[in-house]
Amino acid sequence: MDYKVLGAKLRQERLKQDWTQEMLAEKVDVSHAYIGQIERGERSLTLDTLIRLANQLGVTADDLLYDHLERSNEYYINKIRKVVLNRSEKEQQMALDMITLMFSHIDRLSSE
């Protein structure tokens, strides 16, 4: 796992909240020095600490670990399914048409 990437994401989310390291540290009951070390990628963190940080920052652990997770085809199919699930039949057809057109364009570009 690349702790520098994880730390950078944590820092980015902390700054979105306009919080200092001290403020976040207090909310998750750790030292501000530890938060700084995590953000710089100098320290690893426990799953418990990761979850507490994610909860305080209003993100999921998946959001923070996204670059580290391996995704299967089924994952992406499920994501697409969720996007179109509550849409009308007409909107679903439009989405399918757009995806088909996009891949047709990609295929054309890759064959050139």
PDB file of N, CA and C in Angstrom:
ATOM      1  N   MET A   1       0.846  -1.179   0.000  1.00  0.00           N
ATOM      2  CA  MET A   1       0.000   0.000   0.000  1.00  0.00           C
ATOM      3  C   MET A   1       0.889   1.238   0.000  1.00  0.00           C
ATOM      4  N   ASP A   2       0.506   2.222  -0.772  1.00  0.00           N
ATOM      5  CA  ASP A   2       1.254   3.476  -0.841  1.00  0.00           C
ATOM      6  C   ASP A   2       0.676   4.440   0.200  1.00  0.00           C
ATOM      7  N   TYR A   3       1.345   4.529   1.343  1.00  0.00           N
ATOM      8  CA  TYR A   3       0.846   5.361   2.435  1.00  0.00           C
ATOM      9  C   TYR A   3       0.944   6.845   2.129  1.00  0.00           C
ATOM     10  N   LYS A   4       1.809   7.230   1.195  1.00  0.00           N
ATOM     11  CA  LYS A   4       1.875   8.648   0.802  1.00  0.00           C
ATOM     12  C   LYS A   4       0.595   9.051   0.066  1.00  0.00           C
ATOM     13  N   VAL A   5       0.096   8.169  -0.790  1.00  0.00           N
ATOM     14  CA  VAL A   5      -1.154   8.446  -1.514  1.00  0.00           C
ATOM     15  C   VAL A   5      -2.318   8.508  -0.541  1.00  0.00           C
ATOM     16  N   LEU A   6      -2.382   7.542   0.358  1.00  0.00           N
ATOM     17  CA  LEU A   6      -3.439   7.540   1.365  1.00  0.00           C
ATOM     18  C   LEU A   6      -3.368   8.806   2.222  1.00  0.00           C
ATOM     19  N   GLY A   7      -2.175   9.168   2.652  1.00  0.00           N
ATOM     20  CA  GLY A   7      -2.004  10.367   3.462  1.00  0.00           C
ATOM     21  C   GLY A   7      -2.420  11.628   2.732  1.00  0.00           C
ATOM     22  N   ALA A   8      -2.092  11.691   1.444  1.00  0.00           N
ATOM     23  CA  ALA A   8      -2.482  12.857   0.645  1.00  0.00           C
ATOM     24  C   ALA A   8      -3.999  12.951   0.528  1.00  0.00           C
ATOM     25  N   LYS A   9      -4.661  11.814   0.395  1.00  0.00           N
ATOM     26  CA  LYS A   9      -6.128  11.824   0.319  1.00  0.00           C
ATOM     27  C   LYS A   9      -6.736  12.268   1.644  1.00  0.00           C
ATOM     28  N   LEU A  10      -6.176  11.778   2.731  1.00  0.00           N
ATOM     29  CA  LEU A  10      -6.671  12.205   4.037  1.00  0.00           C
ATOM     30  C   LEU A  10      -6.497  13.708   4.219  1.00  0.00           C
ATOM     31  N   ARG A  11      -5.341  14.207   3.828  1.00  0.00           N
ATOM     32  CA  ARG A  11      -5.080  15.649   3.947  1.00  0.00           C
ATOM     33  C   ARG A  11      -6.074  16.439   3.098  1.00  0.00           C
ATOM     34  N   GLN A  12      -6.298  15.986   1.872  1.00  0.00           N
ATOM     35  CA  GLN A  12      -7.238  16.655   0.970  1.00  0.00           C
ATOM     36  C   GLN A  12      -8.638  16.709   1.594  1.00  0.00           C
ATOM     37  N   GLU A  13      -9.075  15.594   2.167  1.00  0.00           N
ATOM     38  CA  GLU A  13     -10.404  15.561   2.790  1.00  0.00           C
ATOM     39  C   GLU A  13     -10.453  16.439   4.036  1.00  0.00           C
ATOM     40  N   ARG A  14      -9.380  16.461   4.803  1.00  0.00           N
ATOM     41  CA  ARG A  14      -9.322  17.320   5.990  1.00  0.00           C
ATOM     42  C   ARG A  14      -9.428  18.792   5.597  1.00  0.00           C
ATOM     43  N   LEU A  15      -8.701  19.160   4.548  1.00  0.00           N
ATOM     44  CA  LEU A  15      -8.721  20.554   4.104  1.00  0.00           C
ATOM     45  C   LEU A  15     -10.079  20.956   3.534  1.00  0.00           C
ATOM     46  N   LYS A  16     -10.794  20.005   2.933  1.00  0.00           N
ATOM     47  CA  LYS A  16     -12.158  20.296   2.453  1.00  0.00           C
ATOM     48  C   LYS A  16     -13.055  20.711   3.616  1.00  0.00           C
ATOM     49  N   GLN A  17     -12.789  20.145   4.782  1.00  0.00           N
ATOM     50  CA  GLN A  17     -13.568  20.479   5.982  1.00  0.00           C
ATOM     51  C   GLN A  17     -13.061  21.762   6.636  1.00  0.00           C
ATOM     52  N   ASP A  18     -11.939  22.275   6.122  1.00  0.00           N
ATOM     53  CA  ASP A  18     -11.302  23.461   6.690  1.00  0.00           C
ATOM     54  C   ASP A  18     -10.865  23.208   8.135  1.00  0.00           C
ATOM     55  N   TRP A  19     -10.327  21.985   8.367  1.00  0.00           N
ATOM     56  CA  TRP A  19      -9.854  21.599   9.684  1.00  0.00           C
ATOM     57  C   TRP A  19      -8.339  21.591   9.711  1.00  0.00           C
ATOM     58  N   THR A  20      -7.789  21.905  10.871  1.00  0.00           N
ATOM     59  CA  THR A  20      -6.355  21.746  11.094  1.00  0.00           C
ATOM     60  C   THR A  20      -6.097  20.287  11.468  1.00  0.00           C
ATOM     61  N   GLN A  21      -4.831  19.913  11.467  1.00  0.00           N
ATOM     62  CA  GLN A  21      -4.482  18.570  11.924  1.00  0.00           C
ATOM     63  C   GLN A  21      -4.896  18.389  13.384  1.00  0.00           C
ATOM     64  N   GLU A  22      -4.747  19.437  14.161  1.00  0.00           N
ATOM     65  CA  GLU A  22      -5.112  19.375  15.573  1.00  0.00           C
ATOM     66  C   GLU A  22      -6.608  19.109  15.741  1.00  0.00           C
ATOM     67  N   MET A  23      -7.419  19.764  14.933  1.00  0.00           N
ATOM     68  CA  MET A  23      -8.869  19.574  15.038  1.00  0.00           C
ATOM     69  C   MET A  23      -9.259  18.140  14.699  1.00  0.00           C
ATOM     70  N   LEU A  24      -8.702  17.612  13.617  1.00  0.00           N
ATOM     71  CA  LEU A  24      -9.011  16.238  13.234  1.00  0.00           C
ATOM     72  C   LEU A  24      -8.501  15.261  14.281  1.00  0.00           C
ATOM     73  N   ALA A  25      -7.300  15.488  14.787  1.00  0.00           N
ATOM     74  CA  ALA A  25      -6.724  14.604  15.799  1.00  0.00           C
ATOM     75  C   ALA A  25      -7.621  14.529  17.031  1.00  0.00           C
ATOM     76  N   GLU A  26      -8.137  15.662  17.444  1.00  0.00           N
ATOM     77  CA  GLU A  26      -9.021  15.682  18.607  1.00  0.00           C
ATOM     78  C   GLU A  26     -10.288  14.881  18.350  1.00  0.00           C
ATOM     79  N   LYS A  27     -10.830  14.986  17.146  1.00  0.00           N
ATOM     80  CA  LYS A  27     -12.071  14.282  16.809  1.00  0.00           C
ATOM     81  C   LYS A  27     -11.897  12.767  16.789  1.00  0.00           C
ATOM     82  N   VAL A  28     -10.699  12.285  16.439  1.00  0.00           N
ATOM     83  CA  VAL A  28     -10.472  10.831  16.369  1.00  0.00           C
ATOM     84  C   VAL A  28      -9.620  10.324  17.528  1.00  0.00           C
ATOM     85  N   ASP A  29      -9.309  11.203  18.464  1.00  0.00           N
ATOM     86  CA  ASP A  29      -8.585  10.842  19.676  1.00  0.00           C
ATOM     87  C   ASP A  29      -7.197  10.269  19.401  1.00  0.00           C
ATOM     88  N   VAL A  30      -6.447  11.000  18.579  1.00  0.00           N
ATOM     89  CA  VAL A  30      -5.030  10.690  18.352  1.00  0.00           C
ATOM     90  C   VAL A  30      -4.261  11.998  18.444  1.00  0.00           C
ATOM     91  N   SER A  31      -2.947  11.931  18.412  1.00  0.00           N
ATOM     92  CA  SER A  31      -2.167  13.164  18.489  1.00  0.00           C
ATOM     93  C   SER A  31      -2.094  13.839  17.121  1.00  0.00           C
ATOM     94  N   HIS A  32      -1.919  15.158  17.134  1.00  0.00           N
ATOM     95  CA  HIS A  32      -1.798  15.866  15.856  1.00  0.00           C
ATOM     96  C   HIS A  32      -0.499  15.474  15.158  1.00  0.00           C
ATOM     97  N   ALA A  33       0.520  15.102  15.930  1.00  0.00           N
ATOM     98  CA  ALA A  33       1.779  14.651  15.313  1.00  0.00           C
ATOM     99  C   ALA A  33       1.538  13.367  14.512  1.00  0.00           C
ATOM    100  N   TYR A  34       0.700  12.482  15.056  1.00  0.00           N
ATOM    101  CA  TYR A  34       0.369  11.237  14.358  1.00  0.00           C
ATOM    102  C   TYR A  34      -0.380  11.535  13.061  1.00  0.00           C
ATOM    103  N   ILE A  35      -1.318  12.467  13.092  1.00  0.00           N
ATOM    104  CA  ILE A  35      -2.043  12.863  11.877  1.00  0.00           C
ATOM    105  C   ILE A  35      -1.054  13.373  10.838  1.00  0.00           C
ATOM    106  N   GLY A  36      -0.108  14.198  11.268  1.00  0.00           N
ATOM    107  CA  GLY A  36       0.905  14.713  10.345  1.00  0.00           C
ATOM    108  C   GLY A  36       1.733  13.602   9.730  1.00  0.00           C
ATOM    109  N   GLN A  37       2.113  12.635  10.539  1.00  0.00           N
ATOM    110  CA  GLN A  37       2.901  11.509  10.036  1.00  0.00           C
ATOM    111  C   GLN A  37       2.094  10.664   9.048  1.00  0.00           C
ATOM    112  N   ILE A  38       0.823  10.467   9.341  1.00  0.00           N
ATOM    113  CA  ILE A  38      -0.041   9.721   8.411  1.00  0.00           C
ATOM    114  C   ILE A  38      -0.151  10.477   7.098  1.00  0.00           C
ATOM    115  N   GLU A  39      -0.405  11.779   7.175  1.00  0.00           N
ATOM    116  CA  GLU A  39      -0.579  12.581   5.960  1.00  0.00           C
ATOM    117  C   GLU A  39       0.690  12.613   5.115  1.00  0.00           C
ATOM    118  N   ARG A  40       1.841  12.540   5.733  1.00  0.00           N
ATOM    119  CA  ARG A  40       3.108  12.526   4.986  1.00  0.00           C
ATOM    120  C   ARG A  40       3.498  11.121   4.522  1.00  0.00           C
ATOM    121  N   GLY A  41       2.700  10.121   4.908  1.00  0.00           N
ATOM    122  CA  GLY A  41       2.994   8.746   4.522  1.00  0.00           C
ATOM    123  C   GLY A  41       4.118   8.126   5.314  1.00  0.00           C
ATOM    124  N   GLU A  42       4.412   8.683   6.457  1.00  0.00           N
ATOM    125  CA  GLU A  42       5.507   8.186   7.293  1.00  0.00           C
ATOM    126  C   GLU A  42       5.066   7.091   8.262  1.00  0.00           C
ATOM    127  N   ARG A  43       3.774   6.979   8.488  1.00  0.00           N
ATOM    128  CA  ARG A  43       3.241   5.984   9.437  1.00  0.00           C
ATOM    129  C   ARG A  43       2.082   5.246   8.799  1.00  0.00           C
ATOM    130  N   SER A  44       1.969   3.988   9.136  1.00  0.00           N
ATOM    131  CA  SER A  44       0.782   3.232   8.755  1.00  0.00           C
ATOM    132  C   SER A  44      -0.287   3.481   9.815  1.00  0.00           C
ATOM    133  N   LEU A  45      -1.479   2.991   9.572  1.00  0.00           N
ATOM    134  CA  LEU A  45      -2.533   3.191  10.543  1.00  0.00           C
ATOM    135  C   LEU A  45      -3.377   1.928  10.628  1.00  0.00           C
ATOM    136  N   THR A  46      -4.023   1.754  11.754  1.00  0.00           N
ATOM    137  CA  THR A  46      -4.869   0.585  11.939  1.00  0.00           C
ATOM    138  C   THR A  46      -6.183   0.777  11.191  1.00  0.00           C
ATOM    139  N   LEU A  47      -6.879  -0.325  10.990  1.00  0.00           N
ATOM    140  CA  LEU A  47      -8.186  -0.256  10.355  1.00  0.00           C
ATOM    141  C   LEU A  47      -9.131   0.589  11.202  1.00  0.00           C
ATOM    142  N   ASP A  48      -9.055   0.444  12.496  1.00  0.00           N
ATOM    143  CA  ASP A  48      -9.891   1.227  13.399  1.00  0.00           C
ATOM    144  C   ASP A  48      -9.656   2.728  13.206  1.00  0.00           C
ATOM    145  N   THR A  49      -8.402   3.124  13.123  1.00  0.00           N
ATOM    146  CA  THR A  49      -8.078   4.546  12.935  1.00  0.00           C
ATOM    147  C   THR A  49      -8.546   5.022  11.558  1.00  0.00           C
ATOM    148  N   LEU A  50      -8.352   4.196  10.545  1.00  0.00           N
ATOM    149  CA  LEU A  50      -8.809   4.554   9.201  1.00  0.00           C
ATOM    150  C   LEU A  50     -10.314   4.793   9.187  1.00  0.00           C
ATOM    151  N   ILE A  51     -11.072   3.912   9.826  1.00  0.00           N
ATOM    152  CA  ILE A  51     -12.534   4.052   9.869  1.00  0.00           C
ATOM    153  C   ILE A  51     -12.943   5.292  10.649  1.00  0.00           C
ATOM    154  N   ARG A  52     -12.295   5.542  11.773  1.00  0.00           N
ATOM    155  CA  ARG A  52     -12.613   6.754  12.560  1.00  0.00           C
ATOM    156  C   ARG A  52     -12.327   8.015  11.752  1.00  0.00           C
ATOM    157  N   LEU A  53     -11.189   8.022  11.035  1.00  0.00           N
ATOM    158  CA  LEU A  53     -10.862   9.182  10.200  1.00  0.00           C
ATOM    159  C   LEU A  53     -11.901   9.361   9.090  1.00  0.00           C
ATOM    160  N   ALA A  54     -12.231   8.268   8.415  1.00  0.00           N
ATOM    161  CA  ALA A  54     -13.215   8.338   7.326  1.00  0.00           C
ATOM    162  C   ALA A  54     -14.551   8.855   7.850  1.00  0.00           C
ATOM    163  N   ASN A  55     -15.006   8.320   8.972  1.00  0.00           N
ATOM    164  CA  ASN A  55     -16.285   8.759   9.542  1.00  0.00           C
ATOM    165  C   ASN A  55     -16.271  10.245   9.872  1.00  0.00           C
ATOM    166  N   GLN A  56     -15.204  10.728  10.478  1.00  0.00           N
ATOM    167  CA  GLN A  56     -15.126  12.149  10.828  1.00  0.00           C
ATOM    168  C   GLN A  56     -15.082  13.031   9.590  1.00  0.00           C
ATOM    169  N   LEU A  57     -14.421  12.536   8.539  1.00  0.00           N
ATOM    170  CA  LEU A  57     -14.271  13.328   7.309  1.00  0.00           C
ATOM    171  C   LEU A  57     -15.482  13.197   6.383  1.00  0.00           C
ATOM    172  N   GLY A  58     -16.401  12.301   6.716  1.00  0.00           N
ATOM    173  CA  GLY A  58     -17.611  12.137   5.909  1.00  0.00           C
ATOM    174  C   GLY A  58     -17.360  11.423   4.588  1.00  0.00           C
ATOM    175  N   VAL A  59     -16.367  10.537   4.580  1.00  0.00           N
ATOM    176  CA  VAL A  59     -16.074   9.743   3.386  1.00  0.00           C
ATOM    177  C   VAL A  59     -16.063   8.276   3.795  1.00  0.00           C
ATOM    178  N   THR A  60     -15.988   7.387   2.818  1.00  0.00           N
ATOM    179  CA  THR A  60     -15.892   5.969   3.125  1.00  0.00           C
ATOM    180  C   THR A  60     -14.428   5.539   3.078  1.00  0.00           C
ATOM    181  N   ALA A  61     -14.154   4.415   3.684  1.00  0.00           N
ATOM    182  CA  ALA A  61     -12.809   3.846   3.588  1.00  0.00           C
ATOM    183  C   ALA A  61     -12.482   3.552   2.124  1.00  0.00           C
ATOM    184  N   ASP A  62     -13.482   3.130   1.356  1.00  0.00           N
ATOM    185  CA  ASP A  62     -13.278   2.893  -0.082  1.00  0.00           C
ATOM    186  C   ASP A  62     -12.788   4.152  -0.780  1.00  0.00           C
ATOM    187  N   ASP A  63     -13.369   5.299  -0.419  1.00  0.00           N
ATOM    188  CA  ASP A  63     -12.933   6.561  -1.032  1.00  0.00           C
ATOM    189  C   ASP A  63     -11.447   6.792  -0.777  1.00  0.00           C
ATOM    190  N   LEU A  64     -11.024   6.500   0.434  1.00  0.00           N
ATOM    191  CA  LEU A  64      -9.628   6.738   0.800  1.00  0.00           C
ATOM    192  C   LEU A  64      -8.682   5.700   0.208  1.00  0.00           C
ATOM    193  N   LEU A  65      -9.175   4.475   0.029  1.00  0.00           N
ATOM    194  CA  LEU A  65      -8.330   3.384  -0.457  1.00  0.00           C
ATOM    195  C   LEU A  65      -8.513   3.102  -1.942  1.00  0.00           C
ATOM    196  N   TYR A  66      -9.292   3.918  -2.632  1.00  0.00           N
ATOM    197  CA  TYR A  66      -9.686   3.634  -4.013  1.00  0.00           C
ATOM    198  C   TYR A  66      -8.519   3.197  -4.895  1.00  0.00           C
ATOM    199  N   ASP A  67      -7.400   3.872  -4.830  1.00  0.00           N
ATOM    200  CA  ASP A  67      -6.261   3.530  -5.691  1.00  0.00           C
ATOM    201  C   ASP A  67      -5.635   2.195  -5.324  1.00  0.00           C
ATOM    202  N   HIS A  68      -5.967   1.668  -4.154  1.00  0.00           N
ATOM    203  CA  HIS A  68      -5.351   0.439  -3.682  1.00  0.00           C
ATOM    204  C   HIS A  68      -6.235  -0.785  -3.873  1.00  0.00           C
ATOM    205  N   LEU A  69      -7.485  -0.575  -4.280  1.00  0.00           N
ATOM    206  CA  LEU A  69      -8.409  -1.686  -4.434  1.00  0.00           C
ATOM    207  C   LEU A  69      -8.370  -2.223  -5.857  1.00  0.00           C
ATOM    208  N   GLU A  70      -8.393  -3.543  -5.955  1.00  0.00           N
ATOM    209  CA  GLU A  70      -8.495  -4.158  -7.271  1.00  0.00           C
ATOM    210  C   GLU A  70      -9.977  -4.265  -7.610  1.00  0.00           C
ATOM    211  N   ARG A  71     -10.318  -3.887  -8.805  1.00  0.00           N
ATOM    212  CA  ARG A  71     -11.713  -3.899  -9.228  1.00  0.00           C
ATOM    213  C   ARG A  71     -11.929  -5.001 -10.255  1.00  0.00           C
ATOM    214  N   SER A  72     -13.026  -5.710 -10.120  1.00  0.00           N
ATOM    215  CA  SER A  72     -13.383  -6.741 -11.093  1.00  0.00           C
ATOM    216  C   SER A  72     -14.388  -6.158 -12.076  1.00  0.00           C
ATOM    217  N   ASN A  73     -14.608  -6.879 -13.163  1.00  0.00           N
ATOM    218  CA  ASN A  73     -15.624  -6.448 -14.128  1.00  0.00           C
ATOM    219  C   ASN A  73     -16.982  -6.325 -13.449  1.00  0.00           C
ATOM    220  N   GLU A  74     -17.279  -7.243 -12.554  1.00  0.00           N
ATOM    221  CA  GLU A  74     -18.564  -7.229 -11.864  1.00  0.00           C
ATOM    222  C   GLU A  74     -18.748  -5.946 -11.048  1.00  0.00           C
ATOM    223  N   TYR A  75     -17.678  -5.437 -10.478  1.00  0.00           N
ATOM    224  CA  TYR A  75     -17.745  -4.187  -9.717  1.00  0.00           C
ATOM    225  C   TYR A  75     -18.267  -3.062 -10.602  1.00  0.00           C
ATOM    226  N   TYR A  76     -17.685  -2.933 -11.801  1.00  0.00           N
ATOM    227  CA  TYR A  76     -18.080  -1.849 -12.699  1.00  0.00           C
ATOM    228  C   TYR A  76     -19.486  -2.057 -13.256  1.00  0.00           C
ATOM    229  N   ILE A  77     -19.842  -3.284 -13.547  1.00  0.00           N
ATOM    230  CA  ILE A  77     -21.208  -3.567 -14.011  1.00  0.00           C
ATOM    231  C   ILE A  77     -22.206  -3.151 -12.929  1.00  0.00           C
ATOM    232  N   ASN A  78     -21.898  -3.468 -11.677  1.00  0.00           N
ATOM    233  CA  ASN A  78     -22.792  -3.078 -10.579  1.00  0.00           C
ATOM    234  C   ASN A  78     -22.868  -1.571 -10.422  1.00  0.00           C
ATOM    235  N   LYS A  79     -21.757  -0.871 -10.611  1.00  0.00           N
ATOM    236  CA  LYS A  79     -21.770   0.599 -10.532  1.00  0.00           C
ATOM    237  C   LYS A  79     -22.667   1.188 -11.627  1.00  0.00           C
ATOM    238  N   ILE A  80     -22.538   0.659 -12.839  1.00  0.00           N
ATOM    239  CA  ILE A  80     -23.380   1.128 -13.947  1.00  0.00           C
ATOM    240  C   ILE A  80     -24.847   0.817 -13.648  1.00  0.00           C
ATOM    241  N   ARG A  81     -25.092  -0.368 -13.142  1.00  0.00           N
ATOM    242  CA  ARG A  81     -26.466  -0.778 -12.801  1.00  0.00           C
ATOM    243  C   ARG A  81     -27.071   0.206 -11.796  1.00  0.00           C
ATOM    244  N   LYS A  82     -26.311   0.605 -10.777  1.00  0.00           N
ATOM    245  CA  LYS A  82     -26.818   1.535  -9.769  1.00  0.00           C
ATOM    246  C   LYS A  82     -27.125   2.904 -10.363  1.00  0.00           C
ATOM    247  N   VAL A  83     -26.323   3.313 -11.340  1.00  0.00           N
ATOM    248  CA  VAL A  83     -26.537   4.620 -11.963  1.00  0.00           C
ATOM    249  C   VAL A  83     -27.864   4.653 -12.717  1.00  0.00           C
ATOM    250  N   VAL A  84     -28.215   3.575 -13.392  1.00  0.00           N
ATOM    251  CA  VAL A  84     -29.415   3.573 -14.238  1.00  0.00           C
ATOM    252  C   VAL A  84     -30.628   2.946 -13.578  1.00  0.00           C
ATOM    253  N   LEU A  85     -30.460   2.374 -12.400  1.00  0.00           N
ATOM    254  CA  LEU A  85     -31.510   1.582 -11.759  1.00  0.00           C
ATOM    255  C   LEU A  85     -32.853   2.294 -11.647  1.00  0.00           C
ATOM    256  N   ASN A  86     -32.885   3.493 -11.156  1.00  0.00           N
ATOM    257  CA  ASN A  86     -34.159   4.193 -10.920  1.00  0.00           C
ATOM    258  C   ASN A  86     -34.510   5.184 -12.017  1.00  0.00           C
ATOM    259  N   ARG A  87     -33.927   4.997 -13.163  1.00  0.00           N
ATOM    260  CA  ARG A  87     -34.221   5.861 -14.302  1.00  0.00           C
ATOM    261  C   ARG A  87     -35.347   5.262 -15.137  1.00  0.00           C
ATOM    262  N   SER A  88     -35.971   6.108 -15.930  1.00  0.00           N
ATOM    263  CA  SER A  88     -37.041   5.614 -16.809  1.00  0.00           C
ATOM    264  C   SER A  88     -36.444   4.728 -17.893  1.00  0.00           C
ATOM    265  N   GLU A  89     -37.296   3.973 -18.538  1.00  0.00           N
ATOM    266  CA  GLU A  89     -36.836   3.100 -19.625  1.00  0.00           C
ATOM    267  C   GLU A  89     -36.190   3.921 -20.738  1.00  0.00           C
ATOM    268  N   LYS A  90     -36.757   5.081 -21.018  1.00  0.00           N
ATOM    269  CA  LYS A  90     -36.190   5.956 -22.048  1.00  0.00           C
ATOM    270  C   LYS A  90     -34.783   6.425 -21.658  1.00  0.00           C
ATOM    271  N   GLU A  91     -34.607   6.828 -20.394  1.00  0.00           N
ATOM    272  CA  GLU A  91     -33.287   7.261 -19.927  1.00  0.00           C
ATOM    273  C   GLU A  91     -32.284   6.111 -19.932  1.00  0.00           C
ATOM    274  N   GLN A  92     -32.742   4.919 -19.578  1.00  0.00           N
ATOM    275  CA  GLN A  92     -31.862   3.750 -19.616  1.00  0.00           C
ATOM    276  C   GLN A  92     -31.412   3.461 -21.048  1.00  0.00           C
ATOM    277  N   GLN A  93     -32.329   3.584 -21.994  1.00  0.00           N
ATOM    278  CA  GLN A  93     -31.973   3.362 -23.394  1.00  0.00           C
ATOM    279  C   GLN A  93     -30.976   4.420 -23.870  1.00  0.00           C
ATOM    280  N   MET A  94     -31.176   5.662 -23.441  1.00  0.00           N
ATOM    281  CA  MET A  94     -30.241   6.728 -23.800  1.00  0.00           C
ATOM    282  C   MET A  94     -28.848   6.435 -23.243  1.00  0.00           C
ATOM    283  N   ALA A  95     -28.786   5.960 -21.997  1.00  0.00           N
ATOM    284  CA  ALA A  95     -27.505   5.624 -21.383  1.00  0.00           C
ATOM    285  C   ALA A  95     -26.824   4.501 -22.148  1.00  0.00           C
ATOM    286  N   LEU A  96     -27.588   3.489 -22.522  1.00  0.00           N
ATOM    287  CA  LEU A  96     -27.040   2.381 -23.305  1.00  0.00           C
ATOM    288  C   LEU A  96     -26.529   2.871 -24.651  1.00  0.00           C
ATOM    289  N   ASP A  97     -27.293   3.738 -25.304  1.00  0.00           N
ATOM    290  CA  ASP A  97     -26.865   4.291 -26.594  1.00  0.00           C
ATOM    291  C   ASP A  97     -25.561   5.077 -26.443  1.00  0.00           C
ATOM    292  N   MET A  98     -25.446   5.854 -25.367  1.00  0.00           N
ATOM    293  CA  MET A  98     -24.231   6.641 -25.153  1.00  0.00           C
ATOM    294  C   MET A  98     -23.019   5.750 -24.890  1.00  0.00           C
ATOM    295  N   ILE A  99     -23.209   4.713 -24.082  1.00  0.00           N
ATOM    296  CA  ILE A  99     -22.107   3.787 -23.806  1.00  0.00           C
ATOM    297  C   ILE A  99     -21.679   3.076 -25.083  1.00  0.00           C
ATOM    298  N   THR A 100     -22.655   2.630 -25.865  1.00  0.00           N
ATOM    299  CA  THR A 100     -22.356   1.951 -27.129  1.00  0.00           C
ATOM    300  C   THR A 100     -21.594   2.868 -28.067  1.00  0.00           C
ATOM    301  N   LEU A 101     -22.022   4.109 -28.191  1.00  0.00           N
ATOM    302  CA  LEU A 101     -21.352   5.083 -29.046  1.00  0.00           C
ATOM    303  C   LEU A 101     -19.930   5.358 -28.556  1.00  0.00           C
ATOM    304  N   MET A 102     -19.775   5.501 -27.242  1.00  0.00           N
ATOM    305  CA  MET A 102     -18.458   5.774 -26.679  1.00  0.00           C
ATOM    306  C   MET A 102     -17.492   4.635 -27.004  1.00  0.00           C
ATOM    307  N   PHE A 103     -17.916   3.390 -26.794  1.00  0.00           N
ATOM    308  CA  PHE A 103     -17.025   2.266 -27.071  1.00  0.00           C
ATOM    309  C   PHE A 103     -16.767   2.098 -28.562  1.00  0.00           C
ATOM    310  N   SER A 104     -17.731   2.428 -29.376  1.00  0.00           N
ATOM    311  CA  SER A 104     -17.523   2.398 -30.819  1.00  0.00           C
ATOM    312  C   SER A 104     -16.429   3.387 -31.211  1.00  0.00           C
ATOM    313  N   HIS A 105     -16.468   4.562 -30.616  1.00  0.00           N
ATOM    314  CA  HIS A 105     -15.455   5.589 -30.873  1.00  0.00           C
ATOM    315  C   HIS A 105     -14.077   5.130 -30.371  1.00  0.00           C
ATOM    316  N   ILE A 106     -14.033   4.554 -29.187  1.00  0.00           N
ATOM    317  CA  ILE A 106     -12.779   4.040 -28.634  1.00  0.00           C
ATOM    318  C   ILE A 106     -12.201   2.971 -29.536  1.00  0.00           C
ATOM    319  N   ASP A 107     -13.035   2.057 -29.999  1.00  0.00           N
ATOM    320  CA  ASP A 107     -12.577   0.975 -30.888  1.00  0.00           C
ATOM    321  C   ASP A 107     -12.019   1.548 -32.198  1.00  0.00           C
ATOM    322  N   ARG A 108     -12.690   2.562 -32.710  1.00  0.00           N
ATOM    323  CA  ARG A 108     -12.250   3.191 -33.960  1.00  0.00           C
ATOM    324  C   ARG A 108     -10.882   3.856 -33.772  1.00  0.00           C
ATOM    325  N   LEU A 109     -10.715   4.552 -32.663  1.00  0.00           N
ATOM    326  CA  LEU A 109      -9.444   5.218 -32.382  1.00  0.00           C
ATOM    327  C   LEU A 109      -8.299   4.215 -32.188  1.00  0.00           C
ATOM    328  N   SER A 110      -8.590   3.109 -31.521  1.00  0.00           N
ATOM    329  CA  SER A 110      -7.529   2.135 -31.269  1.00  0.00           C
ATOM    330  C   SER A 110      -7.137   1.356 -32.513  1.00  0.00           C
ATOM    331  N   SER A 111      -8.003   1.336 -33.522  1.00  0.00           N
ATOM    332  CA  SER A 111      -7.662   0.607 -34.761  1.00  0.00           C
ATOM    333  C   SER A 111      -6.912   1.491 -35.755  1.00  0.00           C
ATOM    334  N   GLU A 112      -6.787   2.757 -35.460  1.00  0.00           N
ATOM    335  CA  GLU A 112      -6.080   3.673 -36.389  1.00  0.00           C
ATOM    336  C   GLU A 112      -4.590   3.590 -36.231  1.00  0.00           C
TER     337      GLU A 112
END
